[in-house]
PDB file of N, CA and C in Angstrom:
ATOM      1  N   MET A   1      83.624  92.127 124.067  1.00  0.00           N
ATOM      2  CA  MET A   1      83.024  93.162 124.302  1.00  0.00           C
ATOM      3  C   MET A   1      83.613  94.758 124.481  1.00  0.00           C
ATOM      4  N   VAL A   2      85.129  94.837 125.054  1.00  0.00           N
ATOM      5  CA  VAL A   2      85.583  95.917 125.524  1.00  0.00           C
ATOM      6  C   VAL A   2      85.989  96.703 123.805  1.00  0.00           C
ATOM      7  N   ARG A   3      85.953  96.117 122.691  1.00  0.00           N
ATOM      8  CA  ARG A   3      86.457  96.408 121.855  1.00  0.00           C
ATOM      9  C   ARG A   3      85.737  97.071 121.126  1.00  0.00           C
ATOM     10  N   ARG A   4      84.125  96.480 121.160  1.00  0.00           N
ATOM     11  CA  ARG A   4      82.914  97.107 120.657  1.00  0.00           C
ATOM     12  C   ARG A   4      82.768  98.437 121.294  1.00  0.00           C
ATOM     13  N   VAL A   5      83.047  98.155 122.274  1.00  0.00           N
ATOM     14  CA  VAL A   5      82.733  99.905 123.575  1.00  0.00           C
ATOM     15  C   VAL A   5      83.423 101.077 122.919  1.00  0.00           C
ATOM     16  N   ALA A   6      84.891 100.257 122.703  1.00  0.00           N
ATOM     17  CA  ALA A   6      86.169 101.320 122.602  1.00  0.00           C
ATOM     18  C   ALA A   6      85.468 101.910 121.169  1.00  0.00           C
ATOM     19  N   GLY A   7      85.067 100.939 120.247  1.00  0.00           N
ATOM     20  CA  GLY A   7      84.848 101.548 118.968  1.00  0.00           C
ATOM     21  C   GLY A   7      83.338 102.488 118.680  1.00  0.00           C
ATOM     22  N   LEU A   8      82.567 102.014 119.946  1.00  0.00           N
ATOM     23  CA  LEU A   8      81.150 103.306 119.956  1.00  0.00           C
ATOM     24  C   LEU A   8      81.832 104.470 120.487  1.00  0.00           C
ATOM     25  N   VAL A   9      82.515 104.438 121.603  1.00  0.00           N
ATOM     26  CA  VAL A   9      83.135 105.568 121.761  1.00  0.00           C
ATOM     27  C   VAL A   9      84.224 106.168 120.248  1.00  0.00           C
ATOM     28  N   MET A  10      84.912 105.290 119.688  1.00  0.00           N
ATOM     29  CA  MET A  10      85.359 106.022 118.722  1.00  0.00           C
ATOM     30  C   MET A  10      84.334 106.844 117.520  1.00  0.00           C
ATOM     31  N   LEU A  11      83.295 106.484 117.791  1.00  0.00           N
ATOM     32  CA  LEU A  11      82.122 106.850 116.833  1.00  0.00           C
ATOM     33  C   LEU A  11      81.411 107.977 117.359  1.00  0.00           C
ATOM     34  N   GLY A  12      81.050 107.831 118.431  1.00  0.00           N
ATOM     35  CA  GLY A  12      80.809 109.147 119.196  1.00  0.00           C
ATOM     36  C   GLY A  12      81.656 110.491 119.045  1.00  0.00           C
ATOM     37  N   LEU A  13      82.858 110.415 119.113  1.00  0.00           N
ATOM     38  CA  LEU A  13      84.200 111.331 119.280  1.00  0.00           C
ATOM     39  C   LEU A  13      84.300 111.815 117.650  1.00  0.00           C
ATOM     40  N   GLY A  14      84.079 110.684 116.557  1.00  0.00           N
ATOM     41  CA  GLY A  14      84.391 111.093 115.385  1.00  0.00           C
ATOM     42  C   GLY A  14      83.053 111.972 115.299  1.00  0.00           C
ATOM     43  N   LEU A  15      81.459 111.236 115.311  1.00  0.00           N
ATOM     44  CA  LEU A  15      80.218 112.435 115.338  1.00  0.00           C
ATOM     45  C   LEU A  15      80.513 113.525 115.680  1.00  0.00           C
ATOM     46  N   TRP A  16      80.543 113.425 116.957  1.00  0.00           N
ATOM     47  CA  TRP A  16      80.751 114.863 117.316  1.00  0.00           C
ATOM     48  C   TRP A  16      81.782 116.207 117.221  1.00  0.00           C
ATOM     49  N   LEU A  17      82.921 115.631 116.362  1.00  0.00           N
ATOM     50  CA  LEU A  17      84.259 116.168 116.740  1.00  0.00           C
ATOM     51  C   LEU A  17      83.706 116.539 115.048  1.00  0.00           C
ATOM     52  N   GLY A  18      83.185 115.740 114.044  1.00  0.00           N
ATOM     53  CA  GLY A  18      82.665 116.049 112.388  1.00  0.00           C
ATOM     54  C   GLY A  18      81.628 116.844 113.348  1.00  0.00           C
ATOM     55  N   TRP A  19      80.930 117.433 114.205  1.00  0.00           N
ATOM     56  CA  TRP A  19      79.194 117.948 113.656  1.00  0.00           C
ATOM     57  C   TRP A  19      80.672 119.409 113.971  1.00  0.00           C
ATOM     58  N   GLY A  20      81.469 119.831 115.204  1.00  0.00           N
ATOM     59  CA  GLY A  20      82.254 121.082 115.252  1.00  0.00           C
ATOM     60  C   GLY A  20      82.554 121.479 113.996  1.00  0.00           C
ATOM     61  N   ALA A  21      82.783 120.327 112.865  1.00  0.00           N
ATOM     62  CA  ALA A  21      83.677 120.933 111.714  1.00  0.00           C
ATOM     63  C   ALA A  21      82.516 121.279 110.629  1.00  0.00           C
ATOM     64  N   LEU A  22      81.706 120.674 110.587  1.00  0.00           N
ATOM     65  CA  LEU A  22      80.400 121.034 109.817  1.00  0.00           C
ATOM     66  C   LEU A  22      79.591 122.537 110.202  1.00  0.00           C
ATOM     67  N   GLU A  23      79.778 122.527 111.335  1.00  0.00           N
ATOM     68  CA  GLU A  23      79.090 124.317 112.178  1.00  0.00           C
ATOM     69  C   GLU A  23      80.202 125.003 111.910  1.00  0.00           C
ATOM     70  N   ALA A  24      81.394 125.131 111.244  1.00  0.00           N
ATOM     71  CA  ALA A  24      82.568 125.867 110.989  1.00  0.00           C
ATOM     72  C   ALA A  24      82.045 126.196 109.328  1.00  0.00           C
ATOM     73  N   ILE A  25      82.017 124.847 108.986  1.00  0.00           N
ATOM     74  CA  ILE A  25      81.614 125.083 107.367  1.00  0.00           C
ATOM     75  C   ILE A  25      80.490 126.070 107.061  1.00  0.00           C
ATOM     76  N   MET A  26      79.014 125.480 108.003  1.00  0.00           N
ATOM     77  CA  MET A  26      78.135 126.431 108.128  1.00  0.00           C
ATOM     78  C   MET A  26      78.053 128.238 108.551  1.00  0.00           C
ATOM     79  N   ALA A  27      79.208 128.126 109.449  1.00  0.00           N
ATOM     80  CA  ALA A  27      79.147 129.609 109.801  1.00  0.00           C
ATOM     81  C   ALA A  27      79.979 130.500 109.086  1.00  0.00           C
ATOM     82  N   PHE A  28      80.591 129.360 107.988  1.00  0.00           N
ATOM     83  CA  PHE A  28      81.902 130.182 106.792  1.00  0.00           C
ATOM     84  C   PHE A  28      80.836 130.612 105.972  1.00  0.00           C
ATOM     85  N   THR A  29      80.127 129.584 105.721  1.00  0.00           N
ATOM     86  CA  THR A  29      79.490 130.027 104.180  1.00  0.00           C
ATOM     87  C   THR A  29      77.964 130.987 104.381  1.00  0.00           C
ATOM     88  N   SER A  30      77.979 130.660 106.123  1.00  0.00           N
ATOM     89  CA  SER A  30      76.648 131.807 106.315  1.00  0.00           C
ATOM     90  C   SER A  30      76.413 133.258 105.786  1.00  0.00           C
ATOM     91  N   ARG A  31      78.013 133.151 106.339  1.00  0.00           N
ATOM     92  CA  ARG A  31      78.384 134.901 106.061  1.00  0.00           C
ATOM     93  C   ARG A  31      79.378 135.595 104.986  1.00  0.00           C
ATOM     94  N   GLY A  32      78.861 134.685 103.615  1.00  0.00           N
ATOM     95  CA  GLY A  32      78.626 135.077 102.294  1.00  0.00           C
ATOM     96  C   GLY A  32      79.369 134.185 101.642  1.00  0.00           C
ATOM     97  N   GLY A  33      80.534 133.299 102.574  1.00  0.00           N
ATOM     98  CA  GLY A  33      81.737 132.393 102.138  1.00  0.00           C
ATOM     99  C   GLY A  33      81.045 131.366 101.170  1.00  0.00           C
ATOM    100  N   ASP A  34      82.058 130.931  99.831  1.00  0.00           N
ATOM    101  CA  ASP A  34      81.655 129.570  99.769  1.00  0.00           C
ATOM    102  C   ASP A  34      82.480 128.408 100.123  1.00  0.00           C
ATOM    103  N   LEU A  35      81.716 127.201  99.874  1.00  0.00           N
ATOM    104  CA  LEU A  35      81.595 126.317  99.846  1.00  0.00           C
ATOM    105  C   LEU A  35      83.666 125.693  99.990  1.00  0.00           C
ATOM    106  N   ALA A  36      83.667 126.065  98.496  1.00  0.00           N
ATOM    107  CA  ALA A  36      85.156 125.523  98.256  1.00  0.00           C
ATOM    108  C   ALA A  36      86.511 125.842  99.293  1.00  0.00           C
ATOM    109  N   SER A  37      86.214 127.415  99.477  1.00  0.00           N
ATOM    110  CA  SER A  37      87.213 128.548  99.971  1.00  0.00           C
ATOM    111  C   SER A  37      86.874 127.991 101.575  1.00  0.00           C
ATOM    112  N   ALA A  38      85.537 127.338 102.047  1.00  0.00           N
ATOM    113  CA  ALA A  38      85.593 127.119 103.595  1.00  0.00           C
ATOM    114  C   ALA A  38      86.489 125.633 103.724  1.00  0.00           C
ATOM    115  N   LEU A  39      86.520 124.485 102.980  1.00  0.00           N
ATOM    116  CA  LEU A  39      86.848 123.862 102.600  1.00  0.00           C
ATOM    117  C   LEU A  39      88.628 123.504 102.507  1.00  0.00           C
ATOM    118  N   PHE A  40      88.760 124.080 101.299  1.00  0.00           N
ATOM    119  CA  PHE A  40      90.510 124.370 101.137  1.00  0.00           C
ATOM    120  C   PHE A  40      91.032 125.839 101.158  1.00  0.00           C
ATOM    121  N   GLU A  41      90.851 126.844 101.469  1.00  0.00           N
ATOM    122  CA  GLU A  41      91.450 127.939 101.935  1.00  0.00           C
ATOM    123  C   GLU A  41      91.727 128.010 103.589  1.00  0.00           C
ATOM    124  N   PRO A  42      92.627 127.577 104.256  1.00  0.00           N
ATOM    125  CA  PRO A  42      93.072 126.749 104.074  1.00  0.00           C
ATOM    126  C   PRO A  42      92.788 125.663 103.956  1.00  0.00           C
ATOM    127  N   PRO A  43      93.712 124.143 103.890  1.00  0.00           N
ATOM    128  CA  PRO A  43      92.656 123.260 103.628  1.00  0.00           C
ATOM    129  C   PRO A  43      92.708 122.833 105.045  1.00  0.00           C
ATOM    130  N   THR A  44      92.628 123.130 106.172  1.00  0.00           N
ATOM    131  CA  THR A  44      91.996 122.783 107.188  1.00  0.00           C
ATOM    132  C   THR A  44      90.616 122.050 107.520  1.00  0.00           C
ATOM    133  N   GLY A  45      89.818 122.516 106.753  1.00  0.00           N
ATOM    134  CA  GLY A  45      88.420 122.217 106.973  1.00  0.00           C
ATOM    135  C   GLY A  45      88.354 120.885 105.937  1.00  0.00           C
ATOM    136  N   ILE A  46      88.829 120.663 105.076  1.00  0.00           N
ATOM    137  CA  ILE A  46      88.687 119.049 103.968  1.00  0.00           C
ATOM    138  C   ILE A  46      89.338 117.671 105.174  1.00  0.00           C
ATOM    139  N   ILE A  47      90.420 118.497 105.725  1.00  0.00           N
ATOM    140  CA  ILE A  47      91.311 117.680 106.430  1.00  0.00           C
ATOM    141  C   ILE A  47      90.500 116.968 107.822  1.00  0.00           C
ATOM    142  N   ARG A  48      89.800 118.026 108.349  1.00  0.00           N
ATOM    143  CA  ARG A  48      89.107 117.711 109.414  1.00  0.00           C
ATOM    144  C   ARG A  48      87.812 117.057 109.234  1.00  0.00           C
ATOM    145  N   VAL A  49      86.737 117.464 108.076  1.00  0.00           N
ATOM    146  CA  VAL A  49      85.641 116.330 107.523  1.00  0.00           C
ATOM    147  C   VAL A  49      86.214 114.637 107.258  1.00  0.00           C
ATOM    148  N   ILE A  50      87.594 114.503 106.230  1.00  0.00           N
ATOM    149  CA  ILE A  50      87.240 113.681 105.862  1.00  0.00           C
ATOM    150  C   ILE A  50      88.225 112.341 107.394  1.00  0.00           C
ATOM    151  N   SER A  51      88.631 113.354 107.520  1.00  0.00           N
ATOM    152  CA  SER A  51      89.420 112.348 109.248  1.00  0.00           C
ATOM    153  C   SER A  51      88.369 112.328 110.043  1.00  0.00           C
ATOM    154  N   THR A  52      87.445 112.777 110.367  1.00  0.00           N
ATOM    155  CA  THR A  52      86.606 112.709 111.653  1.00  0.00           C
ATOM    156  C   THR A  52      85.556 111.596 110.595  1.00  0.00           C
ATOM    157  N   ALA A  53      85.187 112.020 109.244  1.00  0.00           N
ATOM    158  CA  ALA A  53      84.649 110.670 108.815  1.00  0.00           C
ATOM    159  C   ALA A  53      84.927 109.433 108.939  1.00  0.00           C
ATOM    160  N   LEU A  54      86.426 109.397 108.795  1.00  0.00           N
ATOM    161  CA  LEU A  54      87.013 108.216 108.768  1.00  0.00           C
ATOM    162  C   LEU A  54      86.999 107.011 110.405  1.00  0.00           C
ATOM    163  N   MET A  55      87.004 108.284 111.345  1.00  0.00           N
ATOM    164  CA  MET A  55      86.977 108.302 112.833  1.00  0.00           C
ATOM    165  C   MET A  55      85.704 107.387 112.455  1.00  0.00           C
ATOM    166  N   SER A  56      84.659 108.601 112.313  1.00  0.00           N
ATOM    167  CA  SER A  56      83.332 107.626 112.353  1.00  0.00           C
ATOM    168  C   SER A  56      82.818 106.419 111.762  1.00  0.00           C
ATOM    169  N   ILE A  57      83.299 106.516 110.463  1.00  0.00           N
ATOM    170  CA  ILE A  57      82.992 105.112 109.774  1.00  0.00           C
ATOM    171  C   ILE A  57      83.607 103.743 110.249  1.00  0.00           C
ATOM    172  N   GLY A  58      84.885 104.331 110.831  1.00  0.00           N
ATOM    173  CA  GLY A  58      85.983 103.169 111.334  1.00  0.00           C
ATOM    174  C   GLY A  58      85.040 102.689 112.786  1.00  0.00           C
ATOM    175  N   GLY A  59      84.786 103.451 113.554  1.00  0.00           N
ATOM    176  CA  GLY A  59      84.276 103.391 115.225  1.00  0.00           C
ATOM    177  C   GLY A  59      82.761 102.349 114.972  1.00  0.00           C
ATOM    178  N   LEU A  60      81.983 102.747 113.567  1.00  0.00           N
ATOM    179  CA  LEU A  60      80.998 102.020 112.617  1.00  0.00           C
ATOM    180  C   LEU A  60      81.223 100.753 112.754  1.00  0.00           C
ATOM    181  N   MET A  61      82.522 100.233 111.623  1.00  0.00           N
ATOM    182  CA  MET A  61      82.408  99.203 111.384  1.00  0.00           C
ATOM    183  C   MET A  61      83.321  98.535 112.648  1.00  0.00           C
ATOM    184  N   VAL A  62      83.948  98.835 113.753  1.00  0.00           N
ATOM    185  CA  VAL A  62      84.552  98.249 114.829  1.00  0.00           C
ATOM    186  C   VAL A  62      83.425  97.674 115.569  1.00  0.00           C
ATOM    187  N   ILE A  63      82.266  98.308 115.614  1.00  0.00           N
ATOM    188  CA  ILE A  63      81.268  97.753 116.204  1.00  0.00           C
ATOM    189  C   ILE A  63      80.226  96.780 115.847  1.00  0.00           C
ATOM    190  N   LEU A  64      80.468  96.882 114.252  1.00  0.00           N
ATOM    191  CA  LEU A  64      79.898  95.751 113.673  1.00  0.00           C
ATOM    192  C   LEU A  64      80.832  94.137 113.165  1.00  0.00           C
ATOM    193  N   SER A  65      81.546  94.653 114.030  1.00  0.00           N
ATOM    194  CA  SER A  65      83.233  93.664 114.191  1.00  0.00           C
ATOM    195  C   SER A  65      83.360  93.195 112.607  1.00  0.00           C
ATOM    196  N   SER A  66      83.116  94.430 111.563  1.00  0.00           N
ATOM    197  CA  SER A  66      84.536  94.500 110.304  1.00  0.00           C
ATOM    198  C   SER A  66      85.557  94.824 110.106  1.00  0.00           C
ATOM    199  N   ARG A  67      86.482  93.723 109.076  1.00  0.00           N
ATOM    200  CA  ARG A  67      87.466  93.314 109.301  1.00  0.00           C
ATOM    201  C   ARG A  67      88.654  94.842 109.454  1.00  0.00           C
ATOM    202  N   MET A  68      88.470  95.963 108.437  1.00  0.00           N
ATOM    203  CA  MET A  68      89.469  96.666 108.613  1.00  0.00           C
ATOM    204  C   MET A  68      89.091  98.195 109.159  1.00  0.00           C
ATOM    205  N   GLY A  69      87.718  97.814 110.002  1.00  0.00           N
ATOM    206  CA  GLY A  69      87.452  99.079 110.664  1.00  0.00           C
ATOM    207  C   GLY A  69      88.629  99.836 112.072  1.00  0.00           C
ATOM    208  N   ALA A  70      89.149  99.356 112.862  1.00  0.00           N
ATOM    209  CA  ALA A  70      89.823  99.775 113.662  1.00  0.00           C
ATOM    210  C   ALA A  70      91.195 100.250 112.751  1.00  0.00           C
ATOM    211  N   THR A  71      91.728  99.650 111.537  1.00  0.00           N
ATOM    212  CA  THR A  71      92.537 100.118 110.422  1.00  0.00           C
ATOM    213  C   THR A  71      91.780 101.914 110.129  1.00  0.00           C
ATOM    214  N   VAL A  72      90.493 101.980 109.848  1.00  0.00           N
ATOM    215  CA  VAL A  72      89.750 103.208 109.000  1.00  0.00           C
ATOM    216  C   VAL A  72      89.817 103.958 110.401  1.00  0.00           C
ATOM    217  N   ALA A  73      89.598 103.703 111.884  1.00  0.00           N
ATOM    218  CA  ALA A  73      89.661 104.335 112.216  1.00  0.00           C
ATOM    219  C   ALA A  73      90.836 105.056 112.978  1.00  0.00           C
ATOM    220  N   THR A  74      91.950 104.417 112.790  1.00  0.00           N
ATOM    221  CA  THR A  74      93.284 104.674 113.274  1.00  0.00           C
ATOM    222  C   THR A  74      94.007 105.738 111.825  1.00  0.00           C
ATOM    223  N   VAL A  75      93.226 105.755 110.727  1.00  0.00           N
ATOM    224  CA  VAL A  75      93.724 106.442 109.542  1.00  0.00           C
ATOM    225  C   VAL A  75      93.241 108.057 110.024  1.00  0.00           C
ATOM    226  N   GLY A  76      92.117 107.756 110.539  1.00  0.00           N
ATOM    227  CA  GLY A  76      91.517 109.114 110.446  1.00  0.00           C
ATOM    228  C   GLY A  76      91.914 109.834 111.851  1.00  0.00           C
ATOM    229  N   SER A  77      92.004 108.933 113.179  1.00  0.00           N
ATOM    230  CA  SER A  77      92.722 109.635 114.308  1.00  0.00           C
ATOM    231  C   SER A  77      94.016 110.103 113.547  1.00  0.00           C
ATOM    232  N   VAL A  78      94.739 109.484 112.636  1.00  0.00           N
ATOM    233  CA  VAL A  78      96.520 109.852 112.603  1.00  0.00           C
ATOM    234  C   VAL A  78      96.165 111.242 111.999  1.00  0.00           C
ATOM    235  N   PHE A  79      95.458 111.322 110.681  1.00  0.00           N
ATOM    236  CA  PHE A  79      94.974 112.733 110.192  1.00  0.00           C
ATOM    237  C   PHE A  79      94.742 113.598 110.831  1.00  0.00           C
ATOM    238  N   PHE A  80      93.544 113.299 111.641  1.00  0.00           N
ATOM    239  CA  PHE A  80      93.275 114.364 112.652  1.00  0.00           C
ATOM    240  C   PHE A  80      94.130 115.120 113.738  1.00  0.00           C
ATOM    241  N   ALA A  81      95.191 114.236 114.243  1.00  0.00           N
ATOM    242  CA  ALA A  81      96.371 114.536 114.686  1.00  0.00           C
ATOM    243  C   ALA A  81      97.600 115.591 113.842  1.00  0.00           C
ATOM    244  N   ILE A  82      97.008 115.187 113.021  1.00  0.00           N
ATOM    245  CA  ILE A  82      98.347 115.701 111.810  1.00  0.00           C
ATOM    246  C   ILE A  82      97.666 117.199 111.349  1.00  0.00           C
ATOM    247  N   LEU A  83      96.382 117.260 111.620  1.00  0.00           N
ATOM    248  CA  LEU A  83      95.779 118.764 111.563  1.00  0.00           C
ATOM    249  C   LEU A  83      96.567 119.312 112.637  1.00  0.00           C
ATOM    250  N   GLY A  84      95.855 119.366 113.835  1.00  0.00           N
ATOM    251  CA  GLY A  84      96.559 119.817 114.787  1.00  0.00           C
ATOM    252  C   GLY A  84      98.019 120.538 114.747  1.00  0.00           C
ATOM    253  N   GLY A  85      99.192 119.415 114.321  1.00  0.00           N
ATOM    254  CA  GLY A  85     100.418 119.762 114.023  1.00  0.00           C
ATOM    255  C   GLY A  85     100.890 120.480 112.697  1.00  0.00           C
ATOM    256  N   LEU A  86      99.878 120.080 111.534  1.00  0.00           N
ATOM    257  CA  LEU A  86      99.800 121.207 110.540  1.00  0.00           C
ATOM    258  C   LEU A  86      99.533 123.234 111.201  1.00  0.00           C
ATOM    259  N   MET A  87      98.258 122.806 112.273  1.00  0.00           N
ATOM    260  CA  MET A  87      97.718 124.351 112.245  1.00  0.00           C
ATOM    261  C   MET A  87      98.887 124.759 113.061  1.00  0.00           C
ATOM    262  N   ALA A  88      99.667 124.338 114.149  1.00  0.00           N
ATOM    263  CA  ALA A  88     101.181 124.715 114.935  1.00  0.00           C
ATOM    264  C   ALA A  88     101.859 124.739 113.973  1.00  0.00           C
ATOM    265  N   ALA A  89     102.024 124.130 113.028  1.00  0.00           N
ATOM    266  CA  ALA A  89     103.327 124.728 112.192  1.00  0.00           C
ATOM    267  C   ALA A  89     103.350 125.398 111.655  1.00  0.00           C
ATOM    268  N   SER A  90     102.239 126.165 111.281  1.00  0.00           N
ATOM    269  CA  SER A  90     101.495 127.019 110.336  1.00  0.00           C
ATOM    270  C   SER A  90     101.651 128.554 111.157  1.00  0.00           C
ATOM    271  N   GLY A  91     101.927 128.343 112.451  1.00  0.00           N
ATOM    272  CA  GLY A  91     102.178 129.775 113.280  1.00  0.00           C
ATOM    273  C   GLY A  91     100.587 130.037 113.696  1.00  0.00           C
ATOM    274  N   ALA A  92      99.880 129.469 113.578  1.00  0.00           N
ATOM    275  CA  ALA A  92      98.354 129.442 114.141  1.00  0.00           C
ATOM    276  C   ALA A  92      98.555 129.869 115.993  1.00  0.00           C
ATOM    277  N   ASP A  93      97.768 130.471 116.446  1.00  0.00           N
ATOM    278  CA  ASP A  93      97.781 130.777 117.895  1.00  0.00           C
ATOM    279  C   ASP A  93      97.578 129.244 118.574  1.00  0.00           C
ATOM    280  N   SER A  94      97.804 129.002 119.597  1.00  0.00           N
ATOM    281  CA  SER A  94      97.354 127.584 120.330  1.00  0.00           C
ATOM    282  C   SER A  94      96.253 127.236 120.769  1.00  0.00           C
ATOM    283  N   GLY A  95      95.010 128.224 121.078  1.00  0.00           N
ATOM    284  CA  GLY A  95      94.152 128.270 121.163  1.00  0.00           C
ATOM    285  C   GLY A  95      93.359 127.387 120.365  1.00  0.00           C
ATOM    286  N   LEU A  96      93.796 128.244 119.007  1.00  0.00           N
ATOM    287  CA  LEU A  96      92.978 127.366 117.421  1.00  0.00           C
ATOM    288  C   LEU A  96      93.480 126.060 117.812  1.00  0.00           C
ATOM    289  N   TRP A  97      94.589 125.070 117.823  1.00  0.00           N
ATOM    290  CA  TRP A  97      94.895 124.134 117.496  1.00  0.00           C
ATOM    291  C   TRP A  97      95.170 122.992 118.347  1.00  0.00           C
ATOM    292  N   MET A  98      95.152 123.357 119.912  1.00  0.00           N
ATOM    293  CA  MET A  98      95.882 122.837 121.018  1.00  0.00           C
ATOM    294  C   MET A  98      94.201 122.027 121.464  1.00  0.00           C
ATOM    295  N   ASP A  99      92.892 121.890 121.264  1.00  0.00           N
ATOM    296  CA  ASP A  99      91.625 120.615 121.186  1.00  0.00           C
ATOM    297  C   ASP A  99      92.266 119.858 119.789  1.00  0.00           C
ATOM    298  N   GLU A 100      92.800 120.157 118.829  1.00  0.00           N
ATOM    299  CA  GLU A 100      92.908 119.022 117.942  1.00  0.00           C
ATOM    300  C   GLU A 100      93.962 118.492 118.301  1.00  0.00           C
ATOM    301  N   VAL A 101      95.346 118.293 118.693  1.00  0.00           N
ATOM    302  CA  VAL A 101      96.355 117.788 119.318  1.00  0.00           C
ATOM    303  C   VAL A 101      95.990 116.905 119.952  1.00  0.00           C
ATOM    304  N   ILE A 102      94.402 117.537 121.039  1.00  0.00           N
ATOM    305  CA  ILE A 102      94.669 116.771 122.429  1.00  0.00           C
ATOM    306  C   ILE A 102      93.469 115.581 122.274  1.00  0.00           C
ATOM    307  N   PHE A 103      92.262 115.933 121.086  1.00  0.00           N
ATOM    308  CA  PHE A 103      91.085 114.725 121.076  1.00  0.00           C
ATOM    309  C   PHE A 103      91.564 114.054 119.799  1.00  0.00           C
ATOM    310  N   GLY A 104      93.142 114.482 119.272  1.00  0.00           N
ATOM    311  CA  GLY A 104      93.772 113.585 117.804  1.00  0.00           C
ATOM    312  C   GLY A 104      94.389 112.551 118.751  1.00  0.00           C
ATOM    313  N   LEU A 105      95.082 113.018 119.889  1.00  0.00           N
ATOM    314  CA  LEU A 105      96.097 112.159 120.546  1.00  0.00           C
ATOM    315  C   LEU A 105      95.068 111.185 121.551  1.00  0.00           C
ATOM    316  N   ALA A 106      93.961 111.893 121.672  1.00  0.00           N
ATOM    317  CA  ALA A 106      93.121 110.619 122.591  1.00  0.00           C
ATOM    318  C   ALA A 106      92.235 109.651 121.404  1.00  0.00           C
ATOM    319  N   ALA A 107      92.295 109.739 120.606  1.00  0.00           N
ATOM    320  CA  ALA A 107      91.497 109.361 119.188  1.00  0.00           C
ATOM    321  C   ALA A 107      92.720 108.272 119.071  1.00  0.00           C
ATOM    322  N   ILE A 108      94.294 108.559 118.565  1.00  0.00           N
ATOM    323  CA  ILE A 108      94.639 107.616 118.473  1.00  0.00           C
ATOM    324  C   ILE A 108      95.124 106.861 119.537  1.00  0.00           C
ATOM    325  N   ALA A 109      94.762 107.053 120.721  1.00  0.00           N
ATOM    326  CA  ALA A 109      95.088 105.870 122.413  1.00  0.00           C
ATOM    327  C   ALA A 109      94.243 105.072 122.432  1.00  0.00           C
ATOM    328  N   LEU A 110      92.697 106.189 121.779  1.00  0.00           N
ATOM    329  CA  LEU A 110      91.782 104.440 121.526  1.00  0.00           C
ATOM    330  C   LEU A 110      91.841 103.566 120.369  1.00  0.00           C
ATOM    331  N   SER A 111      92.086 104.480 119.040  1.00  0.00           N
ATOM    332  CA  SER A 111      92.696 102.944 118.221  1.00  0.00           C
ATOM    333  C   SER A 111      93.948 102.228 118.606  1.00  0.00           C
ATOM    334  N   VAL A 112      94.602 102.847 119.400  1.00  0.00           N
ATOM    335  CA  VAL A 112      95.590 101.648 119.778  1.00  0.00           C
ATOM    336  C   VAL A 112      95.103 100.148 120.321  1.00  0.00           C
ATOM    337  N   LEU A 113      93.770 101.045 121.589  1.00  0.00           N
ATOM    338  CA  LEU A 113      93.003  99.860 122.175  1.00  0.00           C
ATOM    339  C   LEU A 113      92.448  99.545 121.376  1.00  0.00           C
ATOM    340  N   ILE A 114      91.576 100.065 120.227  1.00  0.00           N
ATOM    341  CA  ILE A 114      90.884  98.991 119.477  1.00  0.00           C
ATOM    342  C   ILE A 114      91.931  97.802 118.791  1.00  0.00           C
ATOM    343  N   LEU A 115      92.928  98.667 117.615  1.00  0.00           N
ATOM    344  CA  LEU A 115      93.666  97.486 117.123  1.00  0.00           C
ATOM    345  C   LEU A 115      94.466  96.647 117.845  1.00  0.00           C
ATOM    346  N   THR A 116      94.522  96.893 119.576  1.00  0.00           N
ATOM    347  CA  THR A 116      95.332  95.322 120.258  1.00  0.00           C
ATOM    348  C   THR A 116      94.690  94.060 120.717  1.00  0.00           C
ATOM    349  N   LEU A 117      93.293  94.947 120.726  1.00  0.00           N
ATOM    350  CA  LEU A 117      92.212  93.938 121.389  1.00  0.00           C
ATOM    351  C   LEU A 117      91.742  93.272 120.068  1.00  0.00           C
ATOM    352  N   ARG A 118      91.127  91.707 120.638  1.00  0.00           N
ATOM    353  CA  ARG A 118      90.894  90.431 119.678  1.00  0.00           C
ATOM    354  C   ARG A 118      89.877  90.939 119.747  1.00  0.00           C
ATOM    355  N   ARG A 119      89.271  90.880 117.943  1.00  0.00           N
ATOM    356  CA  ARG A 119      87.659  90.643 117.555  1.00  0.00           C
ATOM    357  C   ARG A 119      86.775  89.280 118.100  1.00  0.00           C
ATOM    358  N   ALA A 120      85.536  89.481 118.520  1.00  0.00           N
ATOM    359  CA  ALA A 120      85.024  88.695 119.089  1.00  0.00           C
ATOM    360  C   ALA A 120      83.971  87.767 117.774  1.00  0.00           C
TER     361      ALA A 120
END
């Protein structure tokens, strides 16, 4: 039961962070930028979209008691944390990457919880 609740929290976190990623992409494209530039220049957009999609899919898989759900959620969490690290290493202002690091570490902690609990 606790594992499924943790999966639900992971699903919610992934959807919420994914919505933030899509909002940023939509804002960029509404100002005349193209989708490829929004995703790949710099590649933070595509990393953010892929990591949040993996977190959401993994959380849903955990809720449904699927076999690889915890692994998928963990990969998404690690990618999201790496995103913050890459932004920090590139010299970006800490206000731009601190949220990614905090939410990435929270998602990794949630993944550890999901991985350590038995599947029902």
